[in-house]
Amino acid sequence: MRHLLSRTALVALAATFATETLATEWNVSLWGKRRAFTEHVEKLAELVSEKTNGEFTLNISYGGLSKNRENLDGISIGAFEMAQFCAGYHRDKNPSITVLELPFLGISSLEQEVEVSMALYQHPAVLDDLARWNAVPLMPSPLPQYNLAGLGDTPASLADFKGLTVRATGGIGQALTSVGAVPTSMSATEVRQAMDSGVIKAVAFAPHAHMSFGTIENATWWTTNLNPGTVNCPVVVNADALEFLSDSHRDALMSSVDEALDHYVDTYNSKTMAAWGPALAERNITEVTFADSELAAFRETAQPIAQNWIEENQSRGLPAQELYDMVQAKIAETSK
């Protein structure tokens, strides 16, 4: 005797199958721990899940999927669908976006950093550059100007940076080299141990990272206005995974980017920066403020770095002058 399912049971089974078929899970590779630097990704996951009634989820991993310097490689082979990385970790892999890591560009706010980054990410040369890794740029991780937290003798002038071993990447590291410092590139998760062991004496970070990675726990001084630049850390998605999404899921993802970035900026400005001053005061960290004349001299010393970047990348076939000019124009436009 055959056992037939009732019409109600068939409808329920079909609905279950449809839900399972439409369900999409993406793995997202971050590092460290949840902090201001990752709030836009956390918000994006929340929004995408809400808009799709849980059918599309972003499973965020902090260091469980890849090392931070290998996230772009992981994206290229489809090891995960979304990842965050910093351009300065591997300049040769993503030369086009390192233009935003040049020193003294003149970006003065997180909001401006978002606008300039998003404009650059749409440039054909950038899209082609990242396409080599099967990556599509989704959104930046805007960071304020970096400053140094260090231990040992408090610098009274930029001349005191001569011989200073400092963790600094990209254009920031090049700028510090121009005043005699000795920069080294290492991932954020390695910094505290290097500082504790004496490998480095200072660290160039944004405020959230100084707090998250504990550099202010043994720092004795902090530069308030050095502001040599910042790093550019995009969130990218695997191109094949993005193409494979249904129209509704892709729309849920893309339409959530602006709100996720707004949440990030608000969190950084209102919470992270509010906690920064008290954190320095509680630890009796000396704040070092340089005279305008010294800062002007610093900018002049670092001036050749941008031209060298242009010449080096032009020789590699990248429209470097065009990218630099576009960034400068966007900064001027958004500074009005």
Protein backbone atom coordinates (compact mmCIF):
# COMPACT_ATOMS: atom_id res chain seq x y z
CA MET A 1 0.00 0.00 0.00
CA ARG A 2 1.44 3.39 -0.98
CA HIS A 3 1.52 6.17 1.59
CA LEU A 4 0.47 9.44 0.01
CA LEU A 5 1.29 12.82 1.51
CA SER A 6 -1.64 15.12 2.09
CA ARG A 7 -1.89 18.34 0.10
CA THR A 8 -1.04 20.30 3.26
CA ALA A 9 2.07 18.22 3.85
CA LEU A 10 3.18 18.67 0.23
CA VAL A 11 2.78 22.44 0.46
CA ALA A 12 4.77 22.51 3.71
CA LEU A 13 7.51 20.34 2.20
CA ALA A 14 7.72 22.57 -0.86
CA ALA A 15 7.96 25.68 1.30
CA THR A 16 10.74 24.12 3.34
CA PHE A 17 12.65 23.14 0.22
CA ALA A 18 12.27 26.63 -1.25
CA THR A 19 13.58 28.23 1.94
CA GLU A 20 16.57 25.88 2.02
CA THR A 21 17.24 26.52 -1.64
CA LEU A 22 17.18 30.28 -1.23
CA ALA A 23 19.18 30.39 2.01
CA THR A 24 22.63 31.85 1.53
CA GLU A 25 25.48 31.91 4.04
CA TRP A 26 28.64 33.90 3.47
CA ASN A 27 31.78 33.55 5.53
CA VAL A 28 33.50 36.83 6.38
CA SER A 29 37.18 36.95 7.35
CA LEU A 30 38.22 39.69 9.80
CA TRP A 31 40.91 39.71 12.51
CA GLY A 32 41.51 40.81 16.07
CA LYS A 33 38.21 41.26 17.86
CA ARG A 34 35.03 43.23 17.35
CA ARG A 35 35.93 46.91 17.58
CA ALA A 36 35.22 50.28 15.95
CA PHE A 37 37.17 49.11 12.88
CA THR A 38 34.69 46.30 12.22
CA GLU A 39 31.39 47.93 13.17
CA HIS A 40 30.29 48.48 9.57
CA VAL A 41 30.69 44.78 8.81
CA GLU A 42 28.74 43.84 11.94
CA LYS A 43 26.00 46.31 10.97
CA LEU A 44 25.97 45.03 7.40
CA ALA A 45 25.39 41.49 8.65
CA GLU A 46 22.52 42.68 10.82
CA LEU A 47 20.87 44.63 8.00
CA VAL A 48 21.23 41.87 5.41
CA SER A 49 19.68 39.32 7.74
CA GLU A 50 16.80 41.65 8.56
CA LYS A 51 16.06 42.49 4.93
CA THR A 52 16.03 38.84 3.86
CA ASN A 53 14.24 37.44 6.91
CA GLY A 54 17.31 35.44 7.77
CA GLU A 55 17.69 33.87 4.32
CA PHE A 56 21.02 35.61 3.71
CA THR A 57 23.50 35.62 6.59
CA LEU A 58 27.06 36.82 7.02
CA ASN A 59 29.05 34.61 9.37
CA ILE A 60 31.79 36.83 10.75
CA SER A 61 35.04 35.24 11.89
CA TYR A 62 37.79 37.09 13.76
CA GLY A 63 40.94 35.27 12.73
CA GLY A 64 39.35 31.85 12.32
CA LEU A 65 39.42 31.78 8.53
CA SER A 66 42.69 33.41 7.57
CA LYS A 67 45.56 35.60 8.68
CA ASN A 68 44.88 39.26 7.96
CA ARG A 69 47.73 39.49 5.44
CA GLU A 70 46.23 36.53 3.54
CA ASN A 71 42.62 37.71 3.30
CA LEU A 72 42.97 38.90 -0.29
CA ASP A 73 44.46 35.54 -1.25
CA GLY A 74 41.55 33.79 0.45
CA ILE A 75 39.08 35.87 -1.54
CA SER A 76 40.88 35.02 -4.77
CA ILE A 77 40.40 31.27 -4.31
CA GLY A 78 36.91 31.49 -2.82
CA ALA A 79 37.95 30.29 0.63
CA PHE A 80 35.40 32.79 1.97
CA GLU A 81 33.03 35.28 0.39
CA MET A 82 33.92 38.55 2.13
CA ALA A 83 37.02 39.94 3.81
CA GLN A 84 38.67 43.07 5.12
CA PHE A 85 42.33 43.89 4.47
CA CYS A 86 44.66 46.88 4.50
CA ALA A 87 46.40 48.00 1.33
CA GLY A 88 49.71 48.57 3.09
CA TYR A 89 49.94 44.92 4.13
CA HIS A 90 50.76 43.96 0.53
CA ARG A 91 51.27 46.98 -1.71
CA ASP A 92 52.24 44.94 -4.76
CA LYS A 93 48.94 43.07 -4.67
CA ASN A 94 46.79 46.20 -4.71
CA PRO A 95 48.89 49.17 -5.90
CA SER A 96 45.93 51.21 -7.14
CA ILE A 97 44.41 51.78 -3.70
CA THR A 98 47.73 52.60 -2.04
CA VAL A 99 47.25 56.11 -3.45
CA LEU A 100 45.03 56.70 -0.42
CA GLU A 101 47.89 55.76 1.89
CA LEU A 102 50.15 58.53 0.62
CA PRO A 103 51.10 60.99 3.36
CA PHE A 104 49.53 64.41 3.87
CA LEU A 105 46.69 64.05 1.36
CA GLY A 106 44.57 66.50 3.33
CA ILE A 107 41.59 64.31 4.25
CA SER A 108 40.21 65.72 7.47
CA SER A 109 37.24 63.58 8.51
CA LEU A 110 35.85 60.06 8.37
CA GLU A 111 32.97 61.29 6.24
CA GLN A 112 35.41 62.68 3.69
CA GLU A 113 37.45 59.47 3.81
CA VAL A 114 34.30 57.52 2.88
CA GLU A 115 33.51 59.76 -0.09
CA VAL A 116 37.03 59.74 -1.47
CA SER A 117 37.45 55.99 -1.01
CA MET A 118 34.12 55.10 -2.60
CA ALA A 119 34.93 57.30 -5.60
CA LEU A 120 38.33 55.65 -6.03
CA TYR A 121 36.85 52.16 -5.72
CA GLN A 122 34.73 52.79 -8.80
CA HIS A 123 37.67 53.75 -11.00
CA PRO A 124 38.20 51.16 -13.78
CA ALA A 125 41.89 50.77 -12.89
CA VAL A 126 41.00 49.91 -9.31
CA LEU A 127 38.31 47.47 -10.36
CA ASP A 128 40.75 45.80 -12.75
CA ASP A 129 43.47 45.75 -10.10
CA LEU A 130 41.29 43.95 -7.57
CA ALA A 131 39.73 41.73 -10.24
CA ARG A 132 43.12 40.02 -10.48
CA TRP A 133 42.22 38.59 -7.07
CA ASN A 134 38.60 37.90 -8.03
CA ALA A 135 37.68 40.69 -5.61
CA VAL A 136 35.04 43.42 -5.84
CA PRO A 137 35.38 46.42 -3.49
CA LEU A 138 32.31 46.88 -1.33
CA MET A 139 33.14 49.62 1.16
CA PRO A 140 36.06 51.24 2.97
CA SER A 141 36.93 51.13 6.66
CA PRO A 142 37.48 54.87 7.17
CA LEU A 143 40.11 55.78 9.73
CA PRO A 144 41.25 59.12 11.13
CA GLN A 145 44.77 60.41 10.78
CA TYR A 146 47.34 58.22 12.50
CA ASN A 147 49.49 59.36 15.38
CA LEU A 148 52.24 57.75 17.42
CA ALA A 149 52.10 56.24 20.88
CA GLY A 150 55.51 55.42 22.23
CA LEU A 151 57.61 54.64 25.25
CA GLY A 152 60.92 55.97 26.46
CA ASP A 153 62.06 59.56 26.08
CA THR A 154 59.29 61.92 25.04
CA PRO A 155 60.15 63.57 21.70
CA ALA A 156 60.46 67.34 21.95
CA SER A 157 60.84 67.83 18.20
CA LEU A 158 60.81 65.85 14.98
CA ALA A 159 64.59 65.62 15.23
CA ASP A 160 64.04 63.25 18.15
CA PHE A 161 62.48 60.72 15.77
CA LYS A 162 65.91 59.91 14.34
CA GLY A 163 66.56 56.23 14.95
CA LEU A 164 63.12 55.66 16.49
CA THR A 165 61.89 52.14 15.73
CA VAL A 166 58.21 52.45 14.91
CA ARG A 167 55.48 50.23 13.54
CA ALA A 168 54.19 52.08 10.50
CA THR A 169 52.95 50.90 7.12
CA GLY A 170 52.54 52.41 3.67
CA GLY A 171 52.96 56.11 3.16
CA ILE A 172 53.05 56.76 6.90
CA GLY A 173 56.16 54.62 7.19
CA GLN A 174 57.75 56.42 4.24
CA ALA A 175 56.97 59.80 5.76
CA LEU A 176 58.52 58.80 9.07
CA THR A 177 61.59 57.52 7.24
CA SER A 178 62.01 61.00 5.79
CA VAL A 179 62.59 62.38 9.30
CA GLY A 180 64.97 59.62 10.34
CA ALA A 181 62.66 57.10 12.01
CA VAL A 182 63.05 53.38 11.33
CA PRO A 183 59.63 51.98 10.42
CA THR A 184 58.73 48.32 10.30
CA SER A 185 55.56 46.76 8.92
CA MET A 186 53.75 44.21 11.03
CA SER A 187 50.13 43.27 11.53
CA ALA A 188 48.17 44.94 14.31
CA THR A 189 47.94 41.69 16.27
CA GLU A 190 51.75 41.50 16.52
CA VAL A 191 52.32 45.03 17.74
CA ARG A 192 51.84 44.72 21.49
CA GLN A 193 54.32 41.86 21.80
CA ALA A 194 56.86 43.74 19.66
CA MET A 195 56.45 46.79 21.86
CA ASP A 196 56.74 44.79 25.09
CA SER A 197 59.89 43.06 23.89
CA GLY A 198 61.57 46.27 22.76
CA VAL A 199 61.58 45.44 19.05
CA ILE A 200 59.77 48.74 18.47
CA LYS A 201 59.54 51.87 20.61
CA ALA A 202 56.48 53.47 19.02
CA VAL A 203 53.38 52.56 17.04
CA ALA A 204 51.46 54.52 14.39
CA PHE A 205 47.78 53.70 14.81
CA ALA A 206 44.38 55.29 14.82
CA PRO A 207 42.90 55.77 18.33
CA HIS A 208 40.66 52.69 18.27
CA ALA A 209 43.64 50.44 17.46
CA HIS A 210 45.79 51.92 20.21
CA MET A 211 43.02 50.94 22.63
CA SER A 212 42.06 47.61 21.04
CA PHE A 213 45.61 46.27 20.73
CA GLY A 214 46.86 47.61 24.06
CA THR A 215 49.65 49.90 22.92
CA ILE A 216 48.63 52.58 25.41
CA GLU A 217 49.08 50.16 28.31
CA ASN A 218 52.82 50.77 28.32
CA ALA A 219 53.11 53.93 26.22
CA THR A 220 54.36 57.07 27.95
CA TRP A 221 53.72 59.63 25.18
CA TRP A 222 51.33 60.33 22.31
CA THR A 223 51.56 62.76 19.38
CA THR A 224 48.40 64.81 19.08
CA ASN A 225 48.89 66.46 15.69
CA LEU A 226 51.53 64.65 13.65
CA ASN A 227 48.77 63.46 11.27
CA PRO A 228 51.01 61.99 8.54
CA GLY A 229 48.20 60.06 6.90
CA THR A 230 46.10 56.98 7.36
CA VAL A 231 45.70 53.50 5.90
CA ASN A 232 43.06 52.28 3.49
CA CYS A 233 41.35 49.05 4.43
CA PRO A 234 38.60 47.96 2.05
CA VAL A 235 35.98 45.32 2.60
CA VAL A 236 35.80 43.20 -0.56
CA VAL A 237 33.66 40.34 -1.78
CA ASN A 238 34.45 37.38 -4.01
CA ALA A 239 33.26 38.23 -7.53
CA ASP A 240 31.78 34.79 -8.20
CA ALA A 241 29.88 34.77 -4.92
CA LEU A 242 28.46 38.21 -5.66
CA GLU A 243 27.35 37.17 -9.13
CA PHE A 244 25.78 33.99 -7.77
CA LEU A 245 23.51 35.90 -5.37
CA SER A 246 19.86 36.18 -6.24
CA ASP A 247 18.72 39.66 -7.25
CA SER A 248 16.94 40.16 -3.94
CA HIS A 249 19.92 39.06 -1.86
CA ARG A 250 22.31 41.20 -3.90
CA ASP A 251 20.02 44.17 -3.45
CA ALA A 252 19.84 43.51 0.30
CA LEU A 253 23.64 43.56 0.45
CA MET A 254 24.32 46.57 -1.74
CA SER A 255 21.49 48.69 -0.36
CA SER A 256 22.84 48.22 3.17
CA VAL A 257 26.32 49.62 2.55
CA ASP A 258 25.49 53.28 3.13
CA GLU A 259 23.66 52.61 6.38
CA ALA A 260 26.47 50.35 7.59
CA LEU A 261 29.02 53.08 6.88
CA ASP A 262 26.87 55.71 8.61
CA HIS A 263 26.73 53.45 11.67
CA TYR A 264 30.51 53.00 11.58
CA VAL A 265 31.23 56.73 11.35
CA ASP A 266 28.75 57.58 14.10
CA THR A 267 30.20 54.89 16.37
CA TYR A 268 33.77 56.06 15.79
CA ASN A 269 33.02 59.73 16.23
CA SER A 270 30.70 59.46 19.20
CA LYS A 271 32.01 56.47 21.15
CA THR A 272 35.61 55.76 20.21
CA MET A 273 36.79 59.36 20.25
CA ALA A 274 34.83 60.04 23.44
CA ALA A 275 36.76 57.25 25.15
CA TRP A 276 40.15 58.23 23.76
CA GLY A 277 40.92 61.33 25.83
CA PRO A 278 40.00 59.71 29.16
CA ALA A 279 42.04 56.60 28.25
CA LEU A 280 45.16 58.77 27.82
CA ALA A 281 44.48 60.73 31.00
CA GLU A 282 43.92 57.60 33.10
CA ARG A 283 47.35 56.31 32.10
CA ASN A 284 49.13 59.67 32.54
CA ILE A 285 50.32 59.59 28.94
CA THR A 286 52.12 62.79 27.93
CA GLU A 287 50.56 64.50 24.92
CA VAL A 288 53.08 65.90 22.44
CA THR A 289 51.94 68.74 20.17
CA PHE A 290 54.31 69.94 17.45
CA ALA A 291 54.63 73.53 16.28
CA ASP A 292 53.16 74.48 12.90
CA SER A 293 56.64 75.23 11.58
CA GLU A 294 57.79 71.68 12.37
CA LEU A 295 54.75 70.16 10.73
CA ALA A 296 55.30 72.28 7.63
CA ALA A 297 58.90 71.08 7.47
CA PHE A 298 57.69 67.48 7.86
CA ARG A 299 55.27 67.86 4.96
CA GLU A 300 57.98 69.37 2.79
CA THR A 301 60.40 66.57 3.61
CA ALA A 302 57.78 63.97 2.69
CA GLN A 303 56.70 65.74 -0.50
CA PRO A 304 58.69 63.54 -2.93
CA ILE A 305 56.87 60.40 -1.75
CA ALA A 306 53.78 61.08 -3.86
CA GLN A 307 55.81 61.79 -7.00
CA ASN A 308 57.86 58.64 -6.46
CA TRP A 309 54.63 56.64 -6.09
CA ILE A 310 53.32 58.07 -9.35
CA GLU A 311 56.52 57.33 -11.28
CA GLU A 312 56.91 53.83 -9.87
CA ASN A 313 53.34 52.79 -10.63
CA GLN A 314 53.21 54.49 -14.03
CA SER A 315 56.17 52.32 -15.00
CA ARG A 316 54.12 49.27 -14.04
CA GLY A 317 51.27 50.24 -16.34
CA LEU A 318 48.97 51.74 -13.71
CA PRO A 319 47.43 55.16 -14.55
CA ALA A 320 48.96 56.47 -11.33
CA GLN A 321 48.94 60.17 -12.23
CA GLU A 322 45.26 59.91 -13.16
CA LEU A 323 44.42 58.16 -9.87
CA TYR A 324 46.37 60.70 -7.82
CA ASP A 325 44.76 63.64 -9.64
CA MET A 326 41.30 62.13 -9.18
CA VAL A 327 41.89 61.72 -5.44
CA GLN A 328 43.15 65.29 -5.13
CA ALA A 329 40.14 66.59 -7.04
CA LYS A 330 37.73 64.61 -4.87
CA ILE A 331 39.40 65.88 -1.70
CA ALA A 332 39.10 69.46 -2.95
CA GLU A 333 35.45 68.92 -3.89
CA THR A 334 34.52 67.41 -0.52
CA SER A 335 36.45 70.03 1.44
CA LYS A 336 34.13 72.86 0.31
